Amino acid sequence: MEWSCGLLTPFLLALLVLFMVRKFFGRKGNLPPGPRPLPILGNLLQLQSREIHKVLLKLSKTYGPIYTLHMGPKPTVVLCGFQAVKEALVDNGDKFSGRAEFPIVDLTSKGYGIAFSNGERWKELRRFSLSTLRNFGMGKRSIEERIQEEIQYLLELFQETKGSLLSPTFFIRRSISNVICSILFGRRFEYTDQKLQTLLDLVAENVRRLDNIWVQERNNPHSQFNLSNLLTSALDIFFAGQETTSGTLGYGLLILMKYPSIKEKVQAEIKNVIGRTRRPCLTDRVKMPYTEAVIHEIMRFVDFLPLGVPHAVTEGTVFRGYALPKGTIIVPVLHSVLYDPTVFKSPYEFDPEHFLDQNGLFKKCEGFMAFSAGKRACPGEGLARMELYLYLTSILQKFEICSDIPPEDIDLSPEYSGIGKMAPTFQMRLISLDTQDSFTQSPQR
């Protein structure tokens, strides 16, 4: 009897383990194939890399453009390449418009705000945020003037450096932050202001507080305009409008120092279209196809969020013959789109020709998904495009940017922070092209 019980215990344990494995990793619906997961851990051990997007691309060569990974016990469908991502986010935008739920998100945003909310909450907050930005002047001259004003402070500070070696990241980050502060708070901060430093520190920790709420919906139990949603939405707008734009601009300056011939073509276009004394303005963009192509190539090449932000299907969905249950996590690898060789002829080279037609005119490209695509595309895309154009043209109009390192030795390899990328730490000199130039207000167009 004791001998029988001794055999029975390991047998029951084996059955229990088998049950748990089938419970956690048994396919729900008809999910795409993928690498075999381990119990409990799933495929996490295969993702032990700071460059996760490269691991995912390597797996796509084995399992195809759509495959399943397990992040612990949860199945996650990975999409690679322009066609697969477009088919999901654009062609089937409604079904793929959900936002995935993760424990780290539950600890921070708790499902509030724009970035990680779902359903009616997300729809209401997105509409509210877009209309609020429009009321503040996004796409109108008032926002353009706010940006130009902040650029003026930055250029004056650069002028004071008198060509000395500096790290531009500190100044650019605070300057871009002040544009958002002007929109959200109605004021800017001095770059040395401790309040601004504290604010940036809180953004870095994904924690932030606001003192005043200006919406009158407190007594409506069904309203999404409550304290938690508004605080988190403001954080989402601040992060999207500050971290990504300032990081892209800093990276862009480093890239242009490595490719001086490209920088010189941009400066020549600035001189021909804008001149040396008038402030750049948004109406100049249509006359500057090469500059526009360079800015788009910077955003493509920088690839700020290579994995994008995980989505979820909002209902049971059949996609490319696979049955995806409601709530299935979707990871659209934006890097695989921005670097897709079927869309961009030389994706791993920095080449503005990717966005120019045979006549040298700017051309749009469906594969440009730096702001994601579909229903969940970044709501601050318009503001970011304005800032990148005005900042870059204003800096190159007034300064020669150069490095003490020869261009061929400049390393563009990014640094990684979480799921994002940033420019490596670098220093540069800003040599005034003409200290006698005045910054006159651009004329009405």
Protein backbone atom coordinates (compact mmCIF):
# COMPACT_ATOMS: atom_id res chain seq x y z
CA MET A 1 0.00 0.00 0.00
CA GLU A 2 2.80 2.43 0.92
CA TRP A 3 4.58 1.49 -2.32
CA SER A 4 1.42 2.26 -4.33
CA CYS A 5 0.95 5.64 -2.60
CA GLY A 6 4.60 6.45 -3.26
CA LEU A 7 4.07 5.95 -6.99
CA LEU A 8 0.72 7.72 -6.98
CA THR A 9 2.04 11.03 -5.59
CA PRO A 10 4.52 11.79 -8.44
CA PHE A 11 1.89 10.62 -10.91
CA LEU A 12 -0.64 13.09 -9.51
CA LEU A 13 1.98 15.85 -9.54
CA ALA A 14 2.75 15.08 -13.18
CA LEU A 15 -0.96 15.26 -14.02
CA LEU A 16 -1.22 18.57 -12.14
CA VAL A 17 1.74 20.03 -14.04
CA LEU A 18 0.28 18.81 -17.33
CA PHE A 19 -3.08 20.37 -16.45
CA MET A 20 -1.44 23.69 -15.57
CA VAL A 21 0.59 23.72 -18.78
CA ARG A 22 -2.49 22.99 -20.89
CA LYS A 23 -4.51 25.57 -18.94
CA PHE A 24 -1.91 28.30 -19.33
CA PHE A 25 -0.59 27.51 -22.81
CA GLY A 26 -3.36 25.58 -24.51
CA ARG A 27 -4.32 27.53 -27.60
CA LYS A 28 -7.49 29.54 -27.29
CA GLY A 29 -9.10 29.88 -30.65
CA ASN A 30 -6.78 29.15 -33.53
CA LEU A 31 -3.73 31.27 -32.79
CA PRO A 32 -0.76 31.51 -35.19
CA PRO A 33 2.15 29.11 -34.62
CA GLY A 34 5.21 30.17 -32.67
CA PRO A 35 8.10 28.94 -30.52
CA ARG A 36 7.23 26.40 -27.83
CA PRO A 37 6.71 28.11 -24.45
CA LEU A 38 8.04 26.96 -21.10
CA PRO A 39 5.63 26.40 -18.19
CA ILE A 40 4.83 29.65 -16.36
CA LEU A 41 7.65 31.62 -18.06
CA GLY A 42 6.38 31.18 -21.59
CA ASN A 43 8.94 32.60 -24.05
CA LEU A 44 10.33 35.26 -21.73
CA LEU A 45 13.79 33.70 -21.64
CA GLN A 46 14.02 34.12 -25.41
CA LEU A 47 13.43 37.85 -25.02
CA GLN A 48 16.35 38.56 -22.71
CA SER A 49 17.82 41.33 -24.84
CA ARG A 50 17.84 45.12 -24.77
CA GLU A 51 17.09 44.97 -28.49
CA ILE A 52 13.90 42.95 -28.30
CA HIS A 53 12.78 44.08 -31.75
CA LYS A 54 15.75 42.25 -33.28
CA VAL A 55 14.79 39.05 -31.47
CA LEU A 56 11.23 39.37 -32.77
CA LEU A 57 12.43 39.97 -36.33
CA LYS A 58 14.64 36.88 -36.13
CA LEU A 59 11.69 34.79 -34.98
CA SER A 60 9.59 36.11 -37.87
CA LYS A 61 12.07 34.56 -40.28
CA THR A 62 11.17 31.17 -38.83
CA TYR A 63 7.45 31.57 -38.14
CA GLY A 64 6.41 34.21 -40.67
CA PRO A 65 5.01 37.76 -40.34
CA ILE A 66 2.38 36.71 -37.79
CA TYR A 67 3.20 34.37 -34.93
CA THR A 68 2.43 33.74 -31.27
CA LEU A 69 4.67 34.30 -28.25
CA HIS A 70 3.80 33.78 -24.61
CA MET A 71 4.65 36.61 -22.23
CA GLY A 72 4.43 34.39 -19.19
CA PRO A 73 1.09 32.55 -19.46
CA LYS A 74 -0.49 35.13 -21.80
CA PRO A 75 -0.45 34.50 -25.55
CA THR A 76 0.72 37.48 -27.59
CA VAL A 77 0.41 37.74 -31.37
CA VAL A 78 3.35 39.48 -33.02
CA LEU A 79 2.98 41.29 -36.37
CA CYS A 80 6.04 41.97 -38.52
CA GLY A 81 6.37 43.84 -41.80
CA PHE A 82 4.39 46.58 -43.49
CA GLN A 83 1.68 44.38 -44.99
CA ALA A 84 0.76 42.56 -41.77
CA VAL A 85 0.80 45.70 -39.60
CA LYS A 86 -1.20 47.75 -42.13
CA GLU A 87 -3.76 44.98 -42.57
CA ALA A 88 -4.31 44.90 -38.81
CA LEU A 89 -4.07 48.54 -37.66
CA VAL A 90 -5.43 50.28 -40.77
CA ASP A 91 -7.60 47.84 -42.73
CA ASN A 92 -9.11 46.35 -39.55
CA GLY A 93 -8.62 49.39 -37.35
CA ASP A 94 -11.71 49.02 -35.18
CA LYS A 95 -11.04 45.39 -34.28
CA PHE A 96 -7.40 46.08 -33.40
CA SER A 97 -8.00 49.36 -31.56
CA GLY A 98 -7.92 47.92 -28.05
CA ARG A 99 -5.04 48.54 -25.67
CA ALA A 100 -3.33 45.58 -24.05
CA GLU A 101 -3.40 45.25 -20.27
CA PHE A 102 -0.14 44.74 -18.40
CA PRO A 103 0.65 44.71 -14.66
CA ILE A 104 3.08 47.63 -14.99
CA VAL A 105 0.33 49.68 -16.64
CA ASP A 106 -2.12 48.75 -13.88
CA LEU A 107 0.38 50.08 -11.33
CA THR A 108 0.85 53.41 -13.12
CA SER A 109 -2.08 54.58 -15.26
CA LYS A 110 -4.59 52.01 -13.90
CA GLY A 111 -6.40 52.12 -17.23
CA TYR A 112 -6.97 55.87 -17.07
CA GLY A 113 -5.88 58.48 -19.60
CA ILE A 114 -5.58 58.22 -23.38
CA ALA A 115 -2.66 55.88 -23.96
CA PHE A 116 -3.84 52.79 -22.06
CA SER A 117 -7.61 53.16 -21.73
CA ASN A 118 -10.17 51.20 -23.71
CA GLY A 119 -13.73 51.36 -24.98
CA GLU A 120 -15.89 54.43 -24.42
CA ARG A 121 -13.39 55.89 -21.95
CA TRP A 122 -10.68 55.98 -24.62
CA LYS A 123 -13.03 57.33 -27.30
CA GLU A 124 -14.28 60.16 -25.08
CA LEU A 125 -10.84 61.15 -23.85
CA ARG A 126 -9.33 61.05 -27.33
CA ARG A 127 -12.09 63.30 -28.70
CA PHE A 128 -11.69 65.63 -25.75
CA SER A 129 -7.89 65.79 -26.09
CA LEU A 130 -7.95 66.44 -29.83
CA SER A 131 -10.59 69.16 -29.51
CA THR A 132 -8.71 70.74 -26.59
CA LEU A 133 -5.46 70.82 -28.55
CA ARG A 134 -7.32 72.40 -31.46
CA ASN A 135 -8.79 75.00 -29.11
CA PHE A 136 -5.28 75.73 -27.88
CA GLY A 137 -4.35 76.27 -31.50
CA MET A 138 -2.77 73.07 -32.81
CA GLY A 139 -2.58 73.63 -36.54
CA LYS A 140 -3.25 77.34 -36.08
CA ARG A 141 -0.90 80.31 -35.80
CA SER A 142 -1.23 80.55 -32.02
CA ILE A 143 0.58 77.27 -31.47
CA GLU A 144 3.13 78.15 -34.15
CA GLU A 145 3.84 81.41 -32.36
CA ARG A 146 4.24 79.59 -29.04
CA ILE A 147 6.82 77.29 -30.63
CA GLN A 148 8.63 80.18 -32.32
CA GLU A 149 8.79 82.07 -29.03
CA GLU A 150 10.34 79.10 -27.25
CA ILE A 151 12.79 78.55 -30.11
CA GLN A 152 13.92 82.16 -29.68
CA TYR A 153 14.95 81.45 -26.08
CA LEU A 154 16.85 78.36 -27.17
CA LEU A 155 18.69 80.17 -29.98
CA GLU A 156 19.71 82.98 -27.65
CA LEU A 157 21.09 80.44 -25.20
CA PHE A 158 23.00 78.70 -28.00
CA GLN A 159 24.36 82.10 -29.05
CA GLU A 160 25.74 82.64 -25.55
CA THR A 161 27.79 79.44 -25.74
CA LYS A 162 29.99 81.12 -28.41
CA GLY A 163 30.82 77.84 -30.09
CA SER A 164 31.96 76.03 -26.96
CA LEU A 165 31.52 72.28 -26.68
CA LEU A 166 28.18 71.31 -25.13
CA SER A 167 25.70 68.48 -24.76
CA PRO A 168 22.50 69.75 -26.41
CA THR A 169 20.16 67.20 -24.80
CA PHE A 170 19.69 69.22 -21.59
CA PHE A 171 18.63 72.38 -23.44
CA ILE A 172 16.52 70.71 -26.13
CA ARG A 173 14.59 68.64 -23.60
CA ARG A 174 13.69 71.71 -21.56
CA SER A 175 12.84 73.78 -24.59
CA ILE A 176 10.44 71.18 -26.02
CA SER A 177 8.97 70.72 -22.54
CA ASN A 178 8.17 74.42 -22.40
CA VAL A 179 6.03 74.16 -25.52
CA ILE A 180 3.85 71.57 -23.78
CA CYS A 181 3.92 73.58 -20.55
CA SER A 182 2.67 76.58 -22.50
CA ILE A 183 -0.24 74.50 -23.82
CA LEU A 184 -1.13 72.69 -20.58
CA PHE A 185 -0.29 75.36 -17.99
CA GLY A 186 -0.29 78.60 -19.95
CA ARG A 187 3.32 79.46 -19.04
CA ARG A 188 6.93 78.52 -19.70
CA PHE A 189 9.80 77.92 -17.25
CA GLU A 190 13.39 79.04 -17.19
CA TYR A 191 15.65 76.14 -18.09
CA THR A 192 17.23 76.21 -14.62
CA ASP A 193 13.89 76.36 -12.84
CA GLN A 194 13.69 73.63 -10.22
CA LYS A 195 9.99 73.18 -10.89
CA LEU A 196 10.73 72.25 -14.49
CA GLN A 197 13.44 69.85 -13.34
CA THR A 198 11.03 68.26 -10.88
CA LEU A 199 8.40 67.95 -13.58
CA LEU A 200 10.81 66.23 -15.94
CA ASP A 201 11.91 63.89 -13.17
CA LEU A 202 8.31 62.94 -12.52
CA VAL A 203 7.70 62.29 -16.19
CA ALA A 204 10.75 60.05 -16.22
CA GLU A 205 9.20 58.08 -13.37
CA ASN A 206 5.77 58.10 -15.04
CA VAL A 207 4.31 59.87 -12.02
CA ARG A 208 2.94 63.39 -12.05
CA ARG A 209 0.49 65.63 -10.17
CA LEU A 210 -1.69 68.55 -11.16
CA ASP A 211 -3.27 71.06 -8.78
CA ASN A 212 -6.19 72.34 -10.79
CA ILE A 213 -8.97 70.65 -12.74
CA TRP A 214 -11.02 72.86 -15.01
CA VAL A 215 -13.82 70.50 -16.18
CA GLN A 216 -17.34 70.58 -14.52
CA GLU A 217 -18.33 66.94 -14.66
CA ARG A 218 -17.68 65.80 -11.11
CA ASN A 219 -21.30 64.97 -10.29
CA ASN A 220 -21.86 62.84 -13.40
CA PRO A 221 -21.13 59.22 -12.35
CA HIS A 222 -20.89 58.11 -15.98
CA SER A 223 -18.51 60.86 -17.09
CA GLN A 224 -14.94 59.99 -18.02
CA PHE A 225 -13.81 63.52 -17.07
CA ASN A 226 -12.78 62.70 -13.53
CA LEU A 227 -9.59 63.50 -11.65
CA SER A 228 -7.77 60.25 -12.43
CA ASN A 229 -8.54 60.37 -16.16
CA LEU A 230 -7.54 64.01 -16.52
CA LEU A 231 -4.32 63.62 -14.56
CA THR A 232 -3.27 60.60 -16.58
CA SER A 233 -4.34 62.19 -19.88
CA ALA A 234 -2.20 65.22 -19.10
CA LEU A 235 0.72 62.89 -18.36
CA ASP A 236 0.15 61.07 -21.64
CA ILE A 237 0.12 64.35 -23.59
CA PHE A 238 3.21 65.62 -21.78
CA PHE A 239 5.18 62.43 -22.39
CA ALA A 240 4.13 62.15 -26.04
CA GLY A 241 4.82 65.82 -26.68
CA GLN A 242 8.13 66.01 -24.84
CA GLU A 243 10.12 62.80 -24.63
CA THR A 244 9.65 61.60 -28.19
CA THR A 245 10.05 64.98 -29.90
CA SER A 246 13.08 66.14 -27.93
CA GLY A 247 14.72 62.73 -28.34
CA THR A 248 14.11 62.73 -32.09
CA LEU A 249 15.42 66.28 -32.51
CA GLY A 250 18.61 65.57 -30.58
CA TYR A 251 19.18 62.38 -32.54
CA GLY A 252 18.56 64.30 -35.77
CA LEU A 253 21.33 66.79 -35.00
CA LEU A 254 23.76 63.93 -34.40
CA ILE A 255 22.76 62.29 -37.69
CA LEU A 256 23.26 65.53 -39.63
CA MET A 257 26.73 65.97 -38.16
CA LYS A 258 27.60 62.52 -39.46
CA TYR A 259 26.25 63.37 -42.92
CA PRO A 260 27.42 66.96 -43.56
CA SER A 261 26.48 66.88 -47.26
CA ILE A 262 22.83 66.27 -46.31
CA LYS A 263 22.98 69.02 -43.70
CA GLU A 264 24.40 71.45 -46.28
CA LYS A 265 21.53 70.70 -48.70
CA VAL A 266 19.01 71.48 -45.96
CA GLN A 267 20.80 74.72 -45.13
CA ALA A 268 20.87 75.69 -48.81
CA GLU A 269 17.11 75.13 -49.05
CA ILE A 270 16.58 77.20 -45.90
CA LYS A 271 18.64 80.04 -47.39
CA ASN A 272 16.79 79.93 -50.72
CA VAL A 273 13.27 79.74 -49.31
CA ILE A 274 13.45 81.54 -45.96
CA GLY A 275 16.65 83.55 -46.04
CA ARG A 276 18.83 84.39 -43.09
CA THR A 277 16.76 86.88 -41.09
CA ARG A 278 13.10 85.85 -41.24
CA ARG A 279 11.87 83.22 -38.82
CA PRO A 280 10.92 79.89 -40.42
CA CYS A 281 7.17 79.37 -40.49
CA LEU A 282 4.90 76.48 -41.33
CA THR A 283 3.80 77.88 -44.68
CA ASP A 284 7.39 77.43 -45.89
CA ARG A 285 7.18 73.65 -45.60
CA VAL A 286 5.53 73.05 -48.96
CA LYS A 287 8.39 74.89 -50.66
CA MET A 288 11.06 72.80 -48.90
CA PRO A 289 10.69 69.18 -50.11
CA TYR A 290 14.27 68.17 -49.28
CA THR A 291 14.02 69.43 -45.70
CA GLU A 292 10.67 67.67 -45.28
CA ALA A 293 12.20 64.45 -46.62
CA VAL A 294 15.15 64.74 -44.21
CA ILE A 295 12.84 65.23 -41.22
CA HIS A 296 10.79 62.17 -42.19
CA GLU A 297 13.94 60.13 -42.72
CA ILE A 298 15.18 61.18 -39.28
CA MET A 299 11.93 59.94 -37.71
CA ARG A 300 12.08 56.71 -39.72
CA PHE A 301 15.75 56.05 -39.00
CA VAL A 302 15.53 56.95 -35.28
CA ASP A 303 12.63 54.50 -34.82
CA PHE A 304 11.93 55.89 -31.35
CA LEU A 305 9.53 53.09 -30.24
CA PRO A 306 10.55 50.01 -32.25
CA LEU A 307 7.81 47.81 -30.74
CA GLY A 308 5.12 50.46 -30.75
CA VAL A 309 2.60 50.18 -27.92
CA PRO A 310 0.82 46.80 -27.60
CA HIS A 311 -2.74 46.60 -28.87
CA ALA A 312 -5.56 44.15 -28.17
CA VAL A 313 -8.41 42.93 -30.32
CA THR A 314 -11.75 44.35 -29.19
CA GLU A 315 -13.77 41.31 -30.33
CA GLY A 316 -13.26 37.79 -31.59
CA THR A 317 -11.48 38.30 -34.90
CA VAL A 318 -10.43 36.14 -37.81
CA PHE A 319 -7.14 37.49 -39.17
CA ARG A 320 -5.30 35.80 -42.01
CA GLY A 321 -7.12 32.56 -41.25
CA TYR A 322 -6.36 32.59 -37.51
CA ALA A 323 -9.04 33.01 -34.83
CA LEU A 324 -8.01 35.64 -32.29
CA PRO A 325 -10.20 35.68 -29.15
CA LYS A 326 -11.35 39.01 -27.73
CA GLY A 327 -8.57 40.61 -25.68
CA THR A 328 -5.70 38.86 -27.46
CA ILE A 329 -2.57 41.00 -27.08
CA ILE A 330 -1.15 42.29 -30.36
CA VAL A 331 2.41 43.59 -30.76
CA PRO A 332 2.82 45.48 -34.05
CA VAL A 333 6.60 45.73 -34.49
CA LEU A 334 6.85 49.24 -35.97
CA HIS A 335 10.58 48.75 -36.53
CA SER A 336 9.76 46.01 -39.02
CA VAL A 337 7.64 48.52 -40.96
CA LEU A 338 10.05 51.46 -40.85
CA TYR A 339 12.87 49.14 -41.92
CA ASP A 340 10.89 47.01 -44.36
CA PRO A 341 13.04 46.51 -47.52
CA THR A 342 9.90 46.11 -49.64
CA VAL A 343 8.97 49.69 -48.76
CA PHE A 344 12.32 51.44 -48.31
CA LYS A 345 15.04 50.58 -50.81
CA SER A 346 17.94 50.80 -48.33
CA PRO A 347 16.31 50.75 -44.88
CA TYR A 348 19.50 50.51 -42.82
CA GLU A 349 21.02 53.58 -44.48
CA PHE A 350 20.07 57.16 -43.75
CA ASP A 351 18.74 58.28 -47.11
CA PRO A 352 16.28 61.21 -47.62
CA GLU A 353 15.61 59.82 -51.11
CA HIS A 354 13.19 57.43 -49.41
CA PHE A 355 10.76 60.37 -49.29
CA LEU A 356 11.53 62.06 -52.63
CA ASP A 357 10.13 61.24 -56.06
CA GLN A 358 12.08 61.28 -59.30
CA ASN A 359 11.48 65.01 -59.64
CA GLY A 360 12.86 65.79 -56.20
CA LEU A 361 9.41 66.47 -54.73
CA PHE A 362 8.37 65.19 -51.33
CA LYS A 363 6.35 61.97 -51.47
CA LYS A 364 4.27 60.36 -48.76
CA CYS A 365 4.84 56.72 -47.91
CA GLU A 366 2.33 54.29 -46.40
CA GLY A 367 5.18 52.57 -44.61
CA PHE A 368 5.95 55.68 -42.57
CA MET A 369 4.48 54.64 -39.20
CA ALA A 370 6.67 56.58 -36.78
CA PHE A 371 3.45 57.66 -35.02
CA SER A 372 1.88 54.20 -35.37
CA ALA A 373 -1.22 53.93 -37.56
CA GLY A 374 -4.96 53.47 -37.51
CA LYS A 375 -7.28 54.29 -34.63
CA ARG A 376 -4.48 54.33 -32.06
CA ALA A 377 -2.10 56.60 -33.97
CA CYS A 378 -0.49 59.24 -31.74
CA PRO A 379 -2.95 62.15 -31.23
CA GLY A 380 0.00 64.55 -30.90
CA GLU A 381 1.39 63.77 -34.36
CA GLY A 382 0.49 67.19 -35.77
CA LEU A 383 2.20 69.03 -32.92
CA ALA A 384 5.32 66.86 -33.14
CA ARG A 385 5.65 67.49 -36.89
CA MET A 386 5.33 71.25 -36.33
CA GLU A 387 7.97 71.25 -33.61
CA LEU A 388 10.50 69.15 -35.50
CA TYR A 389 10.23 71.33 -38.60
CA LEU A 390 10.40 74.69 -36.79
CA TYR A 391 13.18 73.68 -34.40
CA LEU A 392 15.41 72.05 -37.00
CA THR A 393 15.11 74.80 -39.60
CA SER A 394 15.58 77.53 -36.98
CA ILE A 395 18.76 75.95 -35.61
CA LEU A 396 20.27 75.27 -39.03
CA GLN A 397 19.34 78.76 -40.23
CA LYS A 398 21.41 80.42 -37.51
CA PHE A 399 24.14 77.93 -36.63
CA GLU A 400 26.68 75.61 -38.10
CA ILE A 401 26.56 72.39 -36.12
CA CYS A 402 29.77 70.42 -35.84
CA SER A 403 31.51 67.78 -33.77
CA ASP A 404 35.11 67.46 -32.69
CA ILE A 405 34.86 63.86 -33.92
CA PRO A 406 35.32 63.31 -37.68
CA PRO A 407 31.98 62.52 -39.36
CA GLU A 408 33.08 59.03 -40.34
CA ASP A 409 33.83 58.23 -36.67
CA ILE A 410 30.50 59.43 -35.26
CA ASP A 411 28.64 56.44 -33.83
CA LEU A 412 24.87 56.47 -34.33
CA SER A 413 24.24 53.32 -32.28
CA PRO A 414 21.27 54.07 -30.00
CA GLU A 415 20.94 53.66 -26.29
CA TYR A 416 17.93 51.69 -25.04
CA SER A 417 15.59 52.62 -22.23
CA GLY A 418 12.82 50.13 -21.62
CA ILE A 419 11.07 49.58 -24.94
CA GLY A 420 12.33 52.89 -26.36
CA LYS A 421 15.48 54.15 -28.05
CA MET A 422 17.43 57.37 -27.65
CA ALA A 423 20.49 59.02 -29.12
CA PRO A 424 23.82 58.11 -27.56
CA THR A 425 25.34 60.79 -25.36
CA PHE A 426 27.20 63.27 -27.55
CA GLN A 427 28.65 66.77 -27.61
CA MET A 428 28.62 69.40 -30.32
CA ARG A 429 29.49 72.99 -31.15
CA LEU A 430 27.04 75.55 -32.48
CA ILE A 431 28.90 78.20 -34.46
CA SER A 432 26.85 81.31 -35.22
CA LEU A 433 26.57 81.88 -38.97
CA ASP A 434 26.02 85.61 -38.48
CA THR A 435 25.84 87.23 -35.07
CA GLN A 436 24.48 90.42 -36.63
CA ASP A 437 21.25 88.82 -37.86
CA SER A 438 18.12 89.83 -35.99
CA PHE A 439 15.15 87.58 -35.44
CA THR A 440 12.26 89.38 -37.03
CA GLN A 441 8.68 88.20 -36.81
CA SER A 442 7.56 86.30 -39.88
CA PRO A 443 5.13 88.32 -42.02
CA GLN A 444 1.49 87.40 -42.33
CA ARG A 445 0.89 85.00 -45.22
